Amino acid sequence: MIRRSLLLLVLLTAGCAEATDKYPSLAPRPIESRPEAEVVTPVTAATPDAALDLQIAGIAVKLAKTDSDFTAAAARADAAARARGAQTTGSDQWLAAQTALADLEALQGDTLGVASDVETMVTARGEAGQPPYPALDALHDKAQAQADAEAAKVAAIRALTGDQ
């Protein structure tokens, strides 16, 4: 009987013992032993691409043409908007200014189309995992600057006619 009681007591106290692996180890984890410096991936230079250079040159010519056409139309629209009576809604001068402004906005649309095409080319290169192409990036910046300048000019002329 004593043996049974002793065995029962040993079994009951063994159930009360805690596991030694209950708490995490204080040893450094793999994430804590990695270097803290940022990994810098080298930027690969774009290799010259004759076909792309030819395409960029063609788009640059188109962009220059839209710029010269817009500049000429902007001068006409500005003169029409500054004409006497152009601020009176419904007058012949106002209608002439509105027509010139509509022509100007159509030319602005041409520039936006070219800028959009260049943006698509830049995006396609990025999606394909190709490195940036400096000539294409320069054309993109030029097209965007031209589109922004044209938008500002249209807004300025529109303000002259009293339109907002």
C-alpha atoms as a PDB file:
ATOM      1  CA  MET A   1       0.000   0.000   0.000  1.00  0.00           C
ATOM      2  CA  ILE A   2       2.831   2.336   0.785  1.00  0.00           C
ATOM      3  CA  ARG A   3       4.387   1.479  -2.521  1.00  0.00           C
ATOM      4  CA  ARG A   4       1.176   2.348  -4.296  1.00  0.00           C
ATOM      5  CA  SER A   5       0.879   5.620  -2.439  1.00  0.00           C
ATOM      6  CA  LEU A   6       4.484   6.422  -3.165  1.00  0.00           C
ATOM      7  CA  LEU A   7       4.035   5.589  -6.864  1.00  0.00           C
ATOM      8  CA  LEU A   8       0.887   7.695  -7.010  1.00  0.00           C
ATOM      9  CA  LEU A   9       2.682  10.579  -5.320  1.00  0.00           C
ATOM     10  CA  VAL A  10       5.584  10.374  -7.781  1.00  0.00           C
ATOM     11  CA  LEU A  11       3.205  10.334 -10.750  1.00  0.00           C
ATOM     12  CA  LEU A  12       1.226  13.291  -9.438  1.00  0.00           C
ATOM     13  CA  THR A  13       4.316  15.399  -8.769  1.00  0.00           C
ATOM     14  CA  ALA A  14       5.751  14.535 -12.191  1.00  0.00           C
ATOM     15  CA  GLY A  15       2.656  16.042 -13.766  1.00  0.00           C
ATOM     16  CA  CYS A  16       3.349  19.305 -11.956  1.00  0.00           C
ATOM     17  CA  ALA A  17       6.862  19.615 -13.324  1.00  0.00           C
ATOM     18  CA  GLU A  18       7.266  22.290 -15.998  1.00  0.00           C
ATOM     19  CA  ALA A  19       8.840  21.730 -19.393  1.00  0.00           C
ATOM     20  CA  THR A  20      12.249  23.314 -19.752  1.00  0.00           C
ATOM     21  CA  ASP A  21      11.596  24.393 -23.363  1.00  0.00           C
ATOM     22  CA  LYS A  22       8.645  26.581 -22.432  1.00  0.00           C
ATOM     23  CA  TYR A  23      10.644  29.815 -22.772  1.00  0.00           C
ATOM     24  CA  PRO A  24      12.401  30.881 -25.980  1.00  0.00           C
ATOM     25  CA  SER A  25      16.116  30.652 -26.290  1.00  0.00           C
ATOM     26  CA  LEU A  26      18.126  33.815 -25.747  1.00  0.00           C
ATOM     27  CA  ALA A  27      20.558  32.837 -28.482  1.00  0.00           C
ATOM     28  CA  PRO A  28      20.652  35.219 -31.496  1.00  0.00           C
ATOM     29  CA  ARG A  29      18.104  34.383 -34.169  1.00  0.00           C
ATOM     30  CA  PRO A  30      19.071  34.265 -37.857  1.00  0.00           C
ATOM     31  CA  ILE A  31      17.370  37.609 -38.539  1.00  0.00           C
ATOM     32  CA  GLU A  32      19.419  39.200 -35.752  1.00  0.00           C
ATOM     33  CA  SER A  33      22.724  38.000 -37.107  1.00  0.00           C
ATOM     34  CA  ARG A  34      22.356  39.389 -40.648  1.00  0.00           C
ATOM     35  CA  PRO A  35      24.248  42.554 -41.633  1.00  0.00           C
ATOM     36  CA  GLU A  36      22.403  45.840 -41.163  1.00  0.00           C
ATOM     37  CA  ALA A  37      23.789  47.559 -44.265  1.00  0.00           C
ATOM     38  CA  GLU A  38      21.395  47.950 -47.180  1.00  0.00           C
ATOM     39  CA  VAL A  39      22.070  45.778 -50.141  1.00  0.00           C
ATOM     40  CA  VAL A  40      22.754  47.993 -53.133  1.00  0.00           C
ATOM     41  CA  THR A  41      21.984  46.400 -56.432  1.00  0.00           C
ATOM     42  CA  PRO A  42      24.174  47.650 -59.227  1.00  0.00           C
ATOM     43  CA  VAL A  43      22.386  49.565 -61.964  1.00  0.00           C
ATOM     44  CA  THR A  44      23.155  48.095 -65.310  1.00  0.00           C
ATOM     45  CA  ALA A  45      23.760  50.550 -68.091  1.00  0.00           C
ATOM     46  CA  ALA A  46      21.493  50.342 -71.077  1.00  0.00           C
ATOM     47  CA  THR A  47      23.166  49.022 -74.161  1.00  0.00           C
ATOM     48  CA  PRO A  48      22.864  51.199 -77.258  1.00  0.00           C
ATOM     49  CA  ASP A  49      19.837  50.292 -79.334  1.00  0.00           C
ATOM     50  CA  ALA A  50      19.850  51.655 -82.886  1.00  0.00           C
ATOM     51  CA  ALA A  51      16.181  50.858 -83.486  1.00  0.00           C
ATOM     52  CA  LEU A  52      15.119  52.610 -80.295  1.00  0.00           C
ATOM     53  CA  ASP A  53      17.365  55.587 -81.094  1.00  0.00           C
ATOM     54  CA  LEU A  54      15.695  55.869 -84.504  1.00  0.00           C
ATOM     55  CA  GLN A  55      12.257  55.695 -82.903  1.00  0.00           C
ATOM     56  CA  ILE A  56      13.257  58.345 -80.335  1.00  0.00           C
ATOM     57  CA  ALA A  57      14.545  60.622 -83.107  1.00  0.00           C
ATOM     58  CA  GLY A  58      11.240  60.295 -84.975  1.00  0.00           C
ATOM     59  CA  ILE A  59       9.245  61.136 -81.872  1.00  0.00           C
ATOM     60  CA  ALA A  60      11.549  64.095 -81.132  1.00  0.00           C
ATOM     61  CA  VAL A  61      10.843  65.489 -84.618  1.00  0.00           C
ATOM     62  CA  LYS A  62       7.107  65.060 -84.044  1.00  0.00           C
ATOM     63  CA  LEU A  63       7.415  66.772 -80.655  1.00  0.00           C
ATOM     64  CA  ALA A  64       9.315  69.700 -82.202  1.00  0.00           C
ATOM     65  CA  LYS A  65       6.609  70.044 -84.886  1.00  0.00           C
ATOM     66  CA  THR A  66       3.828  70.116 -82.299  1.00  0.00           C
ATOM     67  CA  ASP A  67       5.811  72.748 -80.386  1.00  0.00           C
ATOM     68  CA  SER A  68       6.213  75.035 -83.404  1.00  0.00           C
ATOM     69  CA  ASP A  69       2.559  74.572 -84.434  1.00  0.00           C
ATOM     70  CA  PHE A  70       1.407  75.297 -80.888  1.00  0.00           C
ATOM     71  CA  THR A  71       3.607  78.388 -80.614  1.00  0.00           C
ATOM     72  CA  ALA A  72       2.145  79.850 -83.809  1.00  0.00           C
ATOM     73  CA  ALA A  73      -1.420  79.016 -82.791  1.00  0.00           C
ATOM     74  CA  ALA A  74      -0.819  80.409 -79.295  1.00  0.00           C
ATOM     75  CA  ALA A  75       0.234  83.743 -80.777  1.00  0.00           C
ATOM     76  CA  ARG A  76      -2.985  83.854 -82.834  1.00  0.00           C
ATOM     77  CA  ALA A  77      -5.149  82.824 -79.877  1.00  0.00           C
ATOM     78  CA  ASP A  78      -3.457  85.337 -77.581  1.00  0.00           C
ATOM     79  CA  ALA A  79      -4.035  88.129 -80.097  1.00  0.00           C
ATOM     80  CA  ALA A  80      -7.666  87.088 -80.520  1.00  0.00           C
ATOM     81  CA  ALA A  81      -8.188  86.942 -76.745  1.00  0.00           C
ATOM     82  CA  ARG A  82      -6.658  90.415 -76.287  1.00  0.00           C
ATOM     83  CA  ALA A  83      -8.742  91.933 -79.082  1.00  0.00           C
ATOM     84  CA  ARG A  84     -11.215  94.572 -78.117  1.00  0.00           C
ATOM     85  CA  GLY A  85     -14.557  92.972 -77.242  1.00  0.00           C
ATOM     86  CA  ALA A  86     -13.139  89.455 -76.790  1.00  0.00           C
ATOM     87  CA  GLN A  87     -14.201  89.518 -73.138  1.00  0.00           C
ATOM     88  CA  THR A  88     -17.850  90.127 -74.015  1.00  0.00           C
ATOM     89  CA  THR A  89     -19.486  86.728 -74.154  1.00  0.00           C
ATOM     90  CA  GLY A  90     -21.252  86.130 -77.450  1.00  0.00           C
ATOM     91  CA  SER A  91     -19.542  88.897 -79.397  1.00  0.00           C
ATOM     92  CA  ASP A  92     -17.841  88.199 -82.724  1.00  0.00           C
ATOM     93  CA  GLN A  93     -14.433  88.846 -81.152  1.00  0.00           C
ATOM     94  CA  TRP A  94     -15.222  86.469 -78.301  1.00  0.00           C
ATOM     95  CA  LEU A  95     -16.276  83.776 -80.793  1.00  0.00           C
ATOM     96  CA  ALA A  96     -13.055  84.299 -82.757  1.00  0.00           C
ATOM     97  CA  ALA A  97     -11.043  83.967 -79.538  1.00  0.00           C
ATOM     98  CA  GLN A  98     -12.940  80.809 -78.599  1.00  0.00           C
ATOM     99  CA  THR A  99     -12.287  79.316 -82.032  1.00  0.00           C
ATOM    100  CA  ALA A 100      -8.582  80.127 -81.790  1.00  0.00           C
ATOM    101  CA  LEU A 101      -8.535  78.641 -78.291  1.00  0.00           C
ATOM    102  CA  ALA A 102     -10.199  75.458 -79.547  1.00  0.00           C
ATOM    103  CA  ASP A 103      -7.543  75.147 -82.257  1.00  0.00           C
ATOM    104  CA  LEU A 104      -4.886  75.665 -79.616  1.00  0.00           C
ATOM    105  CA  GLU A 105      -6.363  72.967 -77.393  1.00  0.00           C
ATOM    106  CA  ALA A 106      -6.389  70.543 -80.336  1.00  0.00           C
ATOM    107  CA  LEU A 107      -2.669  71.149 -80.813  1.00  0.00           C
ATOM    108  CA  GLN A 108      -2.170  70.678 -77.086  1.00  0.00           C
ATOM    109  CA  GLY A 109      -3.894  67.310 -77.494  1.00  0.00           C
ATOM    110  CA  ASP A 110      -1.323  66.356 -80.131  1.00  0.00           C
ATOM    111  CA  THR A 111       1.481  67.101 -77.666  1.00  0.00           C
ATOM    112  CA  LEU A 112      -0.281  65.127 -74.947  1.00  0.00           C
ATOM    113  CA  GLY A 113      -0.566  62.204 -77.367  1.00  0.00           C
ATOM    114  CA  VAL A 114       3.173  62.271 -78.054  1.00  0.00           C
ATOM    115  CA  ALA A 115       3.926  62.560 -74.331  1.00  0.00           C
ATOM    116  CA  SER A 116       1.627  59.615 -73.662  1.00  0.00           C
ATOM    117  CA  ASP A 117       3.391  57.513 -76.301  1.00  0.00           C
ATOM    118  CA  VAL A 118       6.766  58.269 -74.723  1.00  0.00           C
ATOM    119  CA  GLU A 119       5.389  57.460 -71.271  1.00  0.00           C
ATOM    120  CA  THR A 120       4.151  54.121 -72.602  1.00  0.00           C
ATOM    121  CA  MET A 121       7.611  53.340 -73.984  1.00  0.00           C
ATOM    122  CA  VAL A 122       9.275  54.159 -70.653  1.00  0.00           C
ATOM    123  CA  THR A 123       6.746  52.056 -68.755  1.00  0.00           C
ATOM    124  CA  ALA A 124       7.124  49.111 -71.138  1.00  0.00           C
ATOM    125  CA  ARG A 125      10.901  49.132 -70.617  1.00  0.00           C
ATOM    126  CA  GLY A 126      10.416  49.104 -66.861  1.00  0.00           C
ATOM    127  CA  GLU A 127       7.873  46.296 -66.975  1.00  0.00           C
ATOM    128  CA  ALA A 128      10.224  44.247 -69.148  1.00  0.00           C
ATOM    129  CA  GLY A 129      12.954  44.683 -66.546  1.00  0.00           C
ATOM    130  CA  GLN A 130      15.169  46.646 -68.893  1.00  0.00           C
ATOM    131  CA  PRO A 131      17.410  49.383 -67.519  1.00  0.00           C
ATOM    132  CA  PRO A 132      16.493  53.037 -68.075  1.00  0.00           C
ATOM    133  CA  TYR A 133      17.489  54.387 -71.480  1.00  0.00           C
ATOM    134  CA  PRO A 134      18.917  57.921 -71.050  1.00  0.00           C
ATOM    135  CA  ALA A 135      17.788  59.252 -74.435  1.00  0.00           C
ATOM    136  CA  LEU A 136      14.260  57.981 -73.847  1.00  0.00           C
ATOM    137  CA  ASP A 137      14.176  59.450 -70.344  1.00  0.00           C
ATOM    138  CA  ALA A 138      15.374  62.816 -71.687  1.00  0.00           C
ATOM    139  CA  LEU A 139      12.661  62.757 -74.356  1.00  0.00           C
ATOM    140  CA  HIS A 140      10.095  61.870 -71.712  1.00  0.00           C
ATOM    141  CA  ASP A 141      11.153  64.836 -69.558  1.00  0.00           C
ATOM    142  CA  LYS A 142      11.092  67.172 -72.567  1.00  0.00           C
ATOM    143  CA  ALA A 143       7.629  65.993 -73.657  1.00  0.00           C
ATOM    144  CA  GLN A 144       6.261  66.382 -70.138  1.00  0.00           C
ATOM    145  CA  ALA A 145       7.732  69.869 -69.778  1.00  0.00           C
ATOM    146  CA  GLN A 146       6.287  70.887 -73.151  1.00  0.00           C
ATOM    147  CA  ALA A 147       2.844  69.526 -72.209  1.00  0.00           C
ATOM    148  CA  ASP A 148       2.933  71.397 -68.891  1.00  0.00           C
ATOM    149  CA  ALA A 149       3.992  74.653 -70.571  1.00  0.00           C
ATOM    150  CA  GLU A 150       1.228  74.315 -73.150  1.00  0.00           C
ATOM    151  CA  ALA A 151      -1.371  73.682 -70.441  1.00  0.00           C
ATOM    152  CA  ALA A 152      -0.243  76.830 -68.649  1.00  0.00           C
ATOM    153  CA  LYS A 153      -0.418  78.861 -71.872  1.00  0.00           C
ATOM    154  CA  VAL A 154      -3.943  77.604 -72.651  1.00  0.00           C
ATOM    155  CA  ALA A 155      -5.062  78.476 -69.120  1.00  0.00           C
ATOM    156  CA  ALA A 156      -3.570  81.967 -69.413  1.00  0.00           C
ATOM    157  CA  ILE A 157      -5.316  82.641 -72.729  1.00  0.00           C
ATOM    158  CA  ARG A 158      -8.560  81.203 -71.409  1.00  0.00           C
ATOM    159  CA  ALA A 159      -8.334  83.617 -68.470  1.00  0.00           C
ATOM    160  CA  LEU A 160      -7.978  86.527 -70.903  1.00  0.00           C
ATOM    161  CA  THR A 161     -11.343  85.680 -72.447  1.00  0.00           C
ATOM    162  CA  GLY A 162     -12.988  85.540 -69.043  1.00  0.00           C
ATOM    163  CA  ASP A 163     -13.380  81.740 -69.088  1.00  0.00           C
ATOM    164  CA  GLN A 164     -12.138  79.709 -66.181  1.00  0.00           C
END
